[in-house]
C-alpha atoms as a PDB file:
ATOM      1  CA  UNK A   1      25.243-133.499-108.025  1.00  0.00           C
ATOM      2  CA  UNK A   2      24.954-131.890-111.425  1.00  0.00           C
ATOM      3  CA  UNK A   3      23.890-128.251-111.738  1.00  0.00           C
ATOM      4  CA  UNK A   4      20.728-129.245-113.623  1.00  0.00           C
ATOM      5  CA  UNK A   5      19.717-131.587-110.783  1.00  0.00           C
ATOM      6  CA  UNK A   6      20.387-128.938-108.122  1.00  0.00           C
ATOM      7  CA  UNK A   7      18.365-126.346-110.014  1.00  0.00           C
ATOM      8  CA  UNK A   8      15.480-128.768-110.512  1.00  0.00           C
ATOM      9  CA  UNK A   9      15.414-129.367-106.756  1.00  0.00           C
ATOM     10  CA  UNK A  10      15.490-125.629-106.032  1.00  0.00           C
ATOM     11  CA  UNK A  11      12.556-125.005-108.361  1.00  0.00           C
ATOM     12  CA  UNK A  12      10.613-127.897-106.808  1.00  0.00           C
ATOM     13  CA  UNK A  13      10.975-126.302-103.362  1.00  0.00           C
ATOM     14  CA  UNK A  14       9.811-122.950-104.742  1.00  0.00           C
ATOM     15  CA  UNK A  15       6.870-124.550-106.484  1.00  0.00           C
ATOM     16  CA  UNK A  16       5.716-126.215-103.268  1.00  0.00           C
ATOM     17  CA  UNK A  17       6.541-123.534-100.686  1.00  0.00           C
ATOM     18  CA  UNK A  18       6.820-120.251-102.556  1.00  0.00           C
ATOM     19  CA  UNK A  19      10.186-119.358-101.025  1.00  0.00           C
ATOM     20  CA  UNK A  20      13.494-120.901-100.030  1.00  0.00           C
ATOM     21  CA  UNK A  21      16.556-119.962 -97.998  1.00  0.00           C
ATOM     22  CA  UNK A  22      20.019-120.417 -99.489  1.00  0.00           C
ATOM     23  CA  UNK A  23      21.385-121.684 -96.169  1.00  0.00           C
ATOM     24  CA  UNK A  24      18.779-124.450 -96.036  1.00  0.00           C
ATOM     25  CA  UNK A  25      19.493-125.403 -99.659  1.00  0.00           C
ATOM     26  CA  UNK A  26      23.215-125.575 -98.883  1.00  0.00           C
ATOM     27  CA  UNK A  27      22.611-128.030 -96.058  1.00  0.00           C
ATOM     28  CA  UNK A  28      20.108-130.164 -98.008  1.00  0.00           C
ATOM     29  CA  UNK A  29      22.195-130.341-101.170  1.00  0.00           C
ATOM     30  CA  UNK A  30      25.585-130.704 -99.496  1.00  0.00           C
ATOM     31  CA  UNK A  31      27.215-127.948-101.569  1.00  0.00           C
ATOM     32  CA  UNK A  32      28.748-124.577-100.772  1.00  0.00           C
ATOM     33  CA  UNK A  33      26.746-121.404-100.310  1.00  0.00           C
ATOM     34  CA  UNK A  34      28.537-119.973-103.350  1.00  0.00           C
ATOM     35  CA  UNK A  35      27.272-122.847-105.500  1.00  0.00           C
ATOM     36  CA  UNK A  36      23.667-122.317-104.348  1.00  0.00           C
ATOM     37  CA  UNK A  37      23.885-118.573-104.958  1.00  0.00           C
ATOM     38  CA  UNK A  38      25.248-119.229-108.446  1.00  0.00           C
ATOM     39  CA  UNK A  39      22.376-121.617-109.195  1.00  0.00           C
ATOM     40  CA  UNK A  40      19.825-119.104-107.913  1.00  0.00           C
ATOM     41  CA  UNK A  41      21.356-116.357-110.001  1.00  0.00           C
ATOM     42  CA  UNK A  42      21.191-118.475-113.156  1.00  0.00           C
ATOM     43  CA  UNK A  43      17.550-119.308-112.508  1.00  0.00           C
ATOM     44  CA  UNK A  44      16.760-115.659-111.807  1.00  0.00           C
ATOM     45  CA  UNK A  45      18.323-114.683-115.138  1.00  0.00           C
ATOM     46  CA  UNK A  46      15.876-117.101-116.812  1.00  0.00           C
ATOM     47  CA  UNK A  47      12.965-115.458-115.016  1.00  0.00           C
ATOM     48  CA  UNK A  48      12.220-118.616-113.016  1.00  0.00           C
ATOM     49  CA  UNK A  49      12.555-116.992-109.594  1.00  0.00           C
ATOM     50  CA  UNK A  50      13.193-113.670-107.830  1.00  0.00           C
ATOM     51  CA  UNK A  51      16.323-113.312-105.712  1.00  0.00           C
ATOM     52  CA  UNK A  52      15.913-112.074-102.142  1.00  0.00           C
ATOM     53  CA  UNK A  53      18.362-111.385 -99.362  1.00  0.00           C
ATOM     54  CA  UNK A  54      19.375-114.878 -98.298  1.00  0.00           C
ATOM     55  CA  UNK A  55      17.244-116.835-100.752  1.00  0.00           C
ATOM     56  CA  UNK A  56      14.545-116.609-103.429  1.00  0.00           C
ATOM     57  CA  UNK A  57      10.813-116.243-104.086  1.00  0.00           C
ATOM     58  CA  UNK A  58       8.618-117.550-106.856  1.00  0.00           C
ATOM     59  CA  UNK A  59       8.491-115.401-110.007  1.00  0.00           C
ATOM     60  CA  UNK A  60       4.864-114.439-110.654  1.00  0.00           C
ATOM     61  CA  UNK A  61       1.860-116.697-110.215  1.00  0.00           C
ATOM     62  CA  UNK A  62       2.283-120.240-108.973  1.00  0.00           C
ATOM     63  CA  UNK A  63       0.758-121.654-112.153  1.00  0.00           C
ATOM     64  CA  UNK A  64       3.319-119.766-114.223  1.00  0.00           C
ATOM     65  CA  UNK A  65       6.135-121.201-112.162  1.00  0.00           C
ATOM     66  CA  UNK A  66       4.692-124.691-112.508  1.00  0.00           C
ATOM     67  CA  UNK A  67       4.615-124.276-116.285  1.00  0.00           C
ATOM     68  CA  UNK A  68       8.204-123.045-116.378  1.00  0.00           C
ATOM     69  CA  UNK A  69       9.309-125.693-113.915  1.00  0.00           C
ATOM     70  CA  UNK A  70       7.841-128.351-116.194  1.00  0.00           C
ATOM     71  CA  UNK A  71       9.846-126.932-119.088  1.00  0.00           C
ATOM     72  CA  UNK A  72      13.055-126.987-117.075  1.00  0.00           C
ATOM     73  CA  UNK A  73      12.339-130.508-115.853  1.00  0.00           C
ATOM     74  CA  UNK A  74      11.861-131.667-119.435  1.00  0.00           C
ATOM     75  CA  UNK A  75      15.212-130.164-120.408  1.00  0.00           C
ATOM     76  CA  UNK A  76      16.871-131.988-117.525  1.00  0.00           C
ATOM     77  CA  UNK A  77      15.334-135.289-118.592  1.00  0.00           C
ATOM     78  CA  UNK A  78      16.399-134.776-122.176  1.00  0.00           C
ATOM     79  CA  UNK A  79      19.949-134.012-121.073  1.00  0.00           C
ATOM     80  CA  UNK A  80      20.168-137.192-119.032  1.00  0.00           C
ATOM     81  CA  UNK A  81      18.821-139.263-121.891  1.00  0.00           C
ATOM     82  CA  UNK A  82      21.249-137.597-124.311  1.00  0.00           C
ATOM     83  CA  UNK A  83      24.263-138.332-122.104  1.00  0.00           C
ATOM     84  CA  UNK A  84      23.277-141.980-121.806  1.00  0.00           C
ATOM     85  CA  UNK A  85      22.903-142.253-125.578  1.00  0.00           C
ATOM     86  CA  UNK A  86      26.162-140.452-126.360  1.00  0.00           C
ATOM     87  CA  UNK A  87      28.083-143.018-124.307  1.00  0.00           C
ATOM     88  CA  UNK A  88      26.931-145.705-126.732  1.00  0.00           C
ATOM     89  CA  UNK A  89      28.238-144.051-129.903  1.00  0.00           C
ATOM     90  CA  UNK A  90      31.939-144.622-130.653  1.00  0.00           C
ATOM     91  CA  UNK A  91      34.059-142.094-132.571  1.00  0.00           C
ATOM     92  CA  UNK A  92      33.890-142.497-136.321  1.00  0.00           C
ATOM     93  CA  UNK A  93      30.218-143.487-136.331  1.00  0.00           C
ATOM     94  CA  UNK A  94      27.652-142.421-138.919  1.00  0.00           C
ATOM     95  CA  UNK A  95      24.559-141.330-136.999  1.00  0.00           C
ATOM     96  CA  UNK A  96      21.079-140.489-138.214  1.00  0.00           C
ATOM     97  CA  UNK A  97      19.080-137.992-136.125  1.00  0.00           C
ATOM     98  CA  UNK A  98      15.509-136.879-136.643  1.00  0.00           C
ATOM     99  CA  UNK A  99      14.154-133.693-135.104  1.00  0.00           C
ATOM    100  CA  UNK A 100      12.949-132.982-131.586  1.00  0.00           C
ATOM    101  CA  UNK A 101      14.073-131.664-128.213  1.00  0.00           C
ATOM    102  CA  UNK A 102      15.602-134.962-127.085  1.00  0.00           C
ATOM    103  CA  UNK A 103      17.539-135.597-130.293  1.00  0.00           C
ATOM    104  CA  UNK A 104      18.789-132.023-130.264  1.00  0.00           C
ATOM    105  CA  UNK A 105      20.316-132.716-126.845  1.00  0.00           C
ATOM    106  CA  UNK A 106      21.790-135.936-128.236  1.00  0.00           C
ATOM    107  CA  UNK A 107      23.418-133.939-131.039  1.00  0.00           C
ATOM    108  CA  UNK A 108      24.953-131.549-128.515  1.00  0.00           C
ATOM    109  CA  UNK A 109      26.300-134.360-126.358  1.00  0.00           C
ATOM    110  CA  UNK A 110      27.790-136.181-129.333  1.00  0.00           C
ATOM    111  CA  UNK A 111      29.510-133.013-130.497  1.00  0.00           C
ATOM    112  CA  UNK A 112      31.161-132.179-127.152  1.00  0.00           C
ATOM    113  CA  UNK A 113      32.260-135.619-126.050  1.00  0.00           C
ATOM    114  CA  UNK A 114      35.983-135.586-125.350  1.00  0.00           C
ATOM    115  CA  UNK A 115      36.557-138.710-127.415  1.00  0.00           C
ATOM    116  CA  UNK A 116      35.249-136.850-130.440  1.00  0.00           C
ATOM    117  CA  UNK A 117      36.176-133.207-129.971  1.00  0.00           C
ATOM    118  CA  UNK A 118      39.749-134.107-129.046  1.00  0.00           C
ATOM    119  CA  UNK A 119      40.259-135.009-132.686  1.00  0.00           C
ATOM    120  CA  UNK A 120      40.226-131.374-133.684  1.00  0.00           C
ATOM    121  CA  UNK A 121      40.630-130.919-137.407  1.00  0.00           C
ATOM    122  CA  UNK A 122      39.621-134.518-138.180  1.00  0.00           C
ATOM    123  CA  UNK A 123      36.204-135.920-138.925  1.00  0.00           C
ATOM    124  CA  UNK A 124      35.220-137.848-135.804  1.00  0.00           C
ATOM    125  CA  UNK A 125      31.496-138.146-136.441  1.00  0.00           C
ATOM    126  CA  UNK A 126      29.122-138.033-139.396  1.00  0.00           C
ATOM    127  CA  UNK A 127      25.554-136.908-138.756  1.00  0.00           C
ATOM    128  CA  UNK A 128      22.752-137.429-141.257  1.00  0.00           C
ATOM    129  CA  UNK A 129      19.681-135.423-140.301  1.00  0.00           C
ATOM    130  CA  UNK A 130      16.426-134.036-141.611  1.00  0.00           C
ATOM    131  CA  UNK A 131      16.284-131.504-138.750  1.00  0.00           C
ATOM    132  CA  UNK A 132      17.297-127.996-139.748  1.00  0.00           C
ATOM    133  CA  UNK A 133      17.979-126.886-136.159  1.00  0.00           C
ATOM    134  CA  UNK A 134      20.343-129.825-135.537  1.00  0.00           C
ATOM    135  CA  UNK A 135      22.254-129.170-138.757  1.00  0.00           C
ATOM    136  CA  UNK A 136      22.615-125.496-137.889  1.00  0.00           C
ATOM    137  CA  UNK A 137      23.814-126.222-134.387  1.00  0.00           C
ATOM    138  CA  UNK A 138      26.458-128.713-135.506  1.00  0.00           C
ATOM    139  CA  UNK A 139      27.685-126.653-138.450  1.00  0.00           C
ATOM    140  CA  UNK A 140      30.327-124.891-136.324  1.00  0.00           C
ATOM    141  CA  UNK A 141      31.913-128.207-135.263  1.00  0.00           C
ATOM    142  CA  UNK A 142      34.890-128.868-137.527  1.00  0.00           C
ATOM    143  CA  UNK A 143      35.143-132.508-136.432  1.00  0.00           C
ATOM    144  CA  UNK A 144      31.523-133.280-137.392  1.00  0.00           C
ATOM    145  CA  UNK A 145      30.494-133.925-140.985  1.00  0.00           C
ATOM    146  CA  UNK A 146      26.838-133.062-141.605  1.00  0.00           C
ATOM    147  CA  UNK A 147      24.581-134.395-144.325  1.00  0.00           C
ATOM    148  CA  UNK A 148      21.137-132.800-144.558  1.00  0.00           C
ATOM    149  CA  UNK A 149      18.239-134.376-146.402  1.00  0.00           C
ATOM    150  CA  UNK A 150      16.152-132.506-148.882  1.00  0.00           C
ATOM    151  CA  UNK A 151      12.428-132.197-148.352  1.00  0.00           C
ATOM    152  CA  UNK A 152       9.741-129.775-147.307  1.00  0.00           C
ATOM    153  CA  UNK A 153      10.122-127.904-144.012  1.00  0.00           C
ATOM    154  CA  UNK A 154       7.082-128.455-141.828  1.00  0.00           C
ATOM    155  CA  UNK A 155       5.648-125.589-139.777  1.00  0.00           C
ATOM    156  CA  UNK A 156       6.527-125.643-136.090  1.00  0.00           C
ATOM    157  CA  UNK A 157       8.963-128.557-136.005  1.00  0.00           C
ATOM    158  CA  UNK A 158      11.796-127.665-138.420  1.00  0.00           C
ATOM    159  CA  UNK A 159      12.050-131.113-139.983  1.00  0.00           C
ATOM    160  CA  UNK A 160      12.434-131.775-143.683  1.00  0.00           C
ATOM    161  CA  UNK A 161       9.969-134.461-144.771  1.00  0.00           C
ATOM    162  CA  UNK A 162       8.366-135.896-147.876  1.00  0.00           C
ATOM    163  CA  UNK A 163       9.612-137.856-150.918  1.00  0.00           C
ATOM    164  CA  UNK A 164      12.882-135.914-151.269  1.00  0.00           C
ATOM    165  CA  UNK A 165      13.883-136.639-147.681  1.00  0.00           C
ATOM    166  CA  UNK A 166      12.975-140.320-147.957  1.00  0.00           C
ATOM    167  CA  UNK A 167      14.798-140.695-151.283  1.00  0.00           C
ATOM    168  CA  UNK A 168      18.012-139.252-149.843  1.00  0.00           C
ATOM    169  CA  UNK A 169      17.842-141.481-146.760  1.00  0.00           C
ATOM    170  CA  UNK A 170      17.518-144.577-148.927  1.00  0.00           C
ATOM    171  CA  UNK A 171      20.991-143.846-150.280  1.00  0.00           C
ATOM    172  CA  UNK A 172      22.858-143.699-146.959  1.00  0.00           C
ATOM    173  CA  UNK A 173      24.256-146.333-144.599  1.00  0.00           C
ATOM    174  CA  UNK A 174      24.002-145.569-140.882  1.00  0.00           C
ATOM    175  CA  UNK A 175      25.629-147.146-137.870  1.00  0.00           C
ATOM    176  CA  UNK A 176      22.933-145.678-135.632  1.00  0.00           C
ATOM    177  CA  UNK A 177      19.531-144.090-136.122  1.00  0.00           C
ATOM    178  CA  UNK A 178      18.649-142.115-132.994  1.00  0.00           C
ATOM    179  CA  UNK A 179      14.972-141.236-133.125  1.00  0.00           C
ATOM    180  CA  UNK A 180      12.703-139.097-131.046  1.00  0.00           C
ATOM    181  CA  UNK A 181       9.087-140.303-131.165  1.00  0.00           C
ATOM    182  CA  UNK A 182       5.667-139.380-129.781  1.00  0.00           C
ATOM    183  CA  UNK A 183       4.667-142.795-128.434  1.00  0.00           C
ATOM    184  CA  UNK A 184       6.168-146.190-127.578  1.00  0.00           C
ATOM    185  CA  UNK A 185       4.036-149.289-127.147  1.00  0.00           C
ATOM    186  CA  UNK A 186       5.120-152.779-126.120  1.00  0.00           C
ATOM    187  CA  UNK A 187       3.219-154.392-128.981  1.00  0.00           C
ATOM    188  CA  UNK A 188       3.365-151.839-131.783  1.00  0.00           C
ATOM    189  CA  UNK A 189       6.731-150.166-131.265  1.00  0.00           C
ATOM    190  CA  UNK A 190       7.566-146.507-131.868  1.00  0.00           C
ATOM    191  CA  UNK A 191       5.010-144.145-133.396  1.00  0.00           C
ATOM    192  CA  UNK A 192       4.503-140.489-134.300  1.00  0.00           C
ATOM    193  CA  UNK A 193       1.485-138.232-134.637  1.00  0.00           C
ATOM    194  CA  UNK A 194       2.425-136.859-138.075  1.00  0.00           C
ATOM    195  CA  UNK A 195       2.467-139.342-140.966  1.00  0.00           C
ATOM    196  CA  UNK A 196       5.060-137.455-143.007  1.00  0.00           C
ATOM    197  CA  UNK A 197       7.493-137.165-140.098  1.00  0.00           C
ATOM    198  CA  UNK A 198       6.931-140.836-139.275  1.00  0.00           C
ATOM    199  CA  UNK A 199       7.733-141.874-142.865  1.00  0.00           C
ATOM    200  CA  UNK A 200      11.002-139.946-142.814  1.00  0.00           C
ATOM    201  CA  UNK A 201      12.016-141.407-139.449  1.00  0.00           C
ATOM    202  CA  UNK A 202      11.043-144.877-140.692  1.00  0.00           C
ATOM    203  CA  UNK A 203      13.288-144.488-143.726  1.00  0.00           C
ATOM    204  CA  UNK A 204      16.146-143.499-141.402  1.00  0.00           C
ATOM    205  CA  UNK A 205      15.537-146.550-139.218  1.00  0.00           C
ATOM    206  CA  UNK A 206      15.539-148.867-142.216  1.00  0.00           C
ATOM    207  CA  UNK A 207      19.070-147.735-143.180  1.00  0.00           C
ATOM    208  CA  UNK A 208      20.599-148.174-139.695  1.00  0.00           C
ATOM    209  CA  UNK A 209      22.453-151.073-138.166  1.00  0.00           C
ATOM    210  CA  UNK A 210      21.116-150.102-134.732  1.00  0.00           C
ATOM    211  CA  UNK A 211      17.998-148.086-133.892  1.00  0.00           C
ATOM    212  CA  UNK A 212      17.957-146.190-130.612  1.00  0.00           C
ATOM    213  CA  UNK A 213      14.637-144.638-129.638  1.00  0.00           C
ATOM    214  CA  UNK A 214      14.729-141.779-127.126  1.00  0.00           C
ATOM    215  CA  UNK A 215      11.514-141.062-125.255  1.00  0.00           C
ATOM    216  CA  UNK A 216      10.393-139.446-122.011  1.00  0.00           C
ATOM    217  CA  UNK A 217       8.530-141.632-119.534  1.00  0.00           C
ATOM    218  CA  UNK A 218       5.292-139.804-120.359  1.00  0.00           C
ATOM    219  CA  UNK A 219       5.300-141.183-123.912  1.00  0.00           C
ATOM    220  CA  UNK A 220       5.583-144.824-122.832  1.00  0.00           C
ATOM    221  CA  UNK A 221       2.519-146.999-123.236  1.00  0.00           C
ATOM    222  CA  UNK A 222       0.873-144.501-125.575  1.00  0.00           C
ATOM    223  CA  UNK A 223      -0.277-144.901-129.177  1.00  0.00           C
ATOM    224  CA  UNK A 224       0.021-142.455-132.064  1.00  0.00           C
ATOM    225  CA  UNK A 225      -1.320-142.360-135.634  1.00  0.00           C
ATOM    226  CA  UNK A 226       1.694-143.467-137.668  1.00  0.00           C
ATOM    227  CA  UNK A 227       4.283-146.198-137.252  1.00  0.00           C
ATOM    228  CA  UNK A 228       7.957-145.275-137.061  1.00  0.00           C
ATOM    229  CA  UNK A 229       9.362-148.759-136.457  1.00  0.00           C
ATOM    230  CA  UNK A 230       8.118-152.002-134.931  1.00  0.00           C
ATOM    231  CA  UNK A 231       9.399-153.470-131.675  1.00  0.00           C
ATOM    232  CA  UNK A 232      11.662-155.924-133.463  1.00  0.00           C
ATOM    233  CA  UNK A 233      13.520-153.099-135.222  1.00  0.00           C
ATOM    234  CA  UNK A 234      14.335-151.169-132.038  1.00  0.00           C
ATOM    235  CA  UNK A 235      17.773-152.044-130.663  1.00  0.00           C
ATOM    236  CA  UNK A 236      17.382-149.954-127.500  1.00  0.00           C
ATOM    237  CA  UNK A 237      14.835-147.634-125.876  1.00  0.00           C
ATOM    238  CA  UNK A 238      16.422-144.922-123.720  1.00  0.00           C
ATOM    239  CA  UNK A 239      14.045-143.168-121.364  1.00  0.00           C
ATOM    240  CA  UNK A 240      14.320-141.165-118.147  1.00  0.00           C
ATOM    241  CA  UNK A 241      14.583-142.472-114.619  1.00  0.00           C
ATOM    242  CA  UNK A 242      10.917-141.625-113.908  1.00  0.00           C
ATOM    243  CA  UNK A 243       9.695-144.460-116.114  1.00  0.00           C
ATOM    244  CA  UNK A 244       7.523-146.671-113.828  1.00  0.00           C
ATOM    245  CA  UNK A 245       8.769-150.177-113.122  1.00  0.00           C
ATOM    246  CA  UNK A 246       5.487-151.665-114.291  1.00  0.00           C
ATOM    247  CA  UNK A 247       5.697-149.893-117.638  1.00  0.00           C
ATOM    248  CA  UNK A 248       9.337-150.909-118.147  1.00  0.00           C
ATOM    249  CA  UNK A 249       8.397-154.507-117.332  1.00  0.00           C
ATOM    250  CA  UNK A 250       5.572-154.326-119.911  1.00  0.00           C
ATOM    251  CA  UNK A 251       7.927-153.021-122.583  1.00  0.00           C
ATOM    252  CA  UNK A 252      10.651-155.552-121.876  1.00  0.00           C
ATOM    253  CA  UNK A 253       8.085-158.339-121.900  1.00  0.00           C
ATOM    254  CA  UNK A 254       7.221-157.197-125.435  1.00  0.00           C
ATOM    255  CA  UNK A 255      10.850-157.591-126.473  1.00  0.00           C
ATOM    256  CA  UNK A 256      12.235-154.079-125.961  1.00  0.00           C
ATOM    257  CA  UNK A 257      15.620-153.504-124.374  1.00  0.00           C
ATOM    258  CA  UNK A 258      15.097-150.504-122.038  1.00  0.00           C
ATOM    259  CA  UNK A 259      17.705-148.222-120.475  1.00  0.00           C
ATOM    260  CA  UNK A 260      16.649-145.683-117.853  1.00  0.00           C
ATOM    261  CA  UNK A 261      19.040-142.731-117.832  1.00  0.00           C
ATOM    262  CA  UNK A 262      20.142-142.088-114.256  1.00  0.00           C
ATOM    263  CA  UNK A 263      20.765-138.765-112.507  1.00  0.00           C
ATOM    264  CA  UNK A 264      24.459-139.477-112.539  1.00  0.00           C
ATOM    265  CA  UNK A 265      24.668-139.438-116.284  1.00  0.00           C
END
């Protein structure tokens, strides 16, 4: 079991019961006591729990823990999705990435994959992005070439949008566009709440051979104000394992190819 999965389980027990014993966690998880203690220590350093002799207690009010637990759970889901996506991208690819928590995790996974990073000193991946935080994070990777669009930086999301961004994207050729979106519908495709961000992502999708949409289960079946790309333009939707069977069936009936990222990824 991955560390992120163990820690999610530990936080779930704390959320429901308020305390846990390391010995019980060791038995339930099938790992050593040293591993559980290490996980608890890492969570304590993040302020998500308080260490006690032999276990842990919730940190602060239950509602606060629930809020933090939700944040950790989202990070775990994004990591699983990112690993599933990274397996689909061969070395040498030109990849477009828009901004968002899920695509940031995709960028990290692409940069550390052994098939890419092993080519130290050689360009193993080209990333075209309008996300300032992704460009900054990848800038230290010598094997990754980064192309950043122009545009206007929007408040709160760190994406460059507008005519300059769209104009630059119209000049590139992408093997993959990997897009985070706000909503995915079986009839209308991928959508976003902000029209300017949607237009930039749409321009990226139009220049890609394959479009991979990454979206948490909670965004499936929803609608948003602006179209990113229609169903027929989406090569693959990658979501988390919590996506309900009924919703996946609805999306596939509409023509979407859906991959649920498993815990093992």
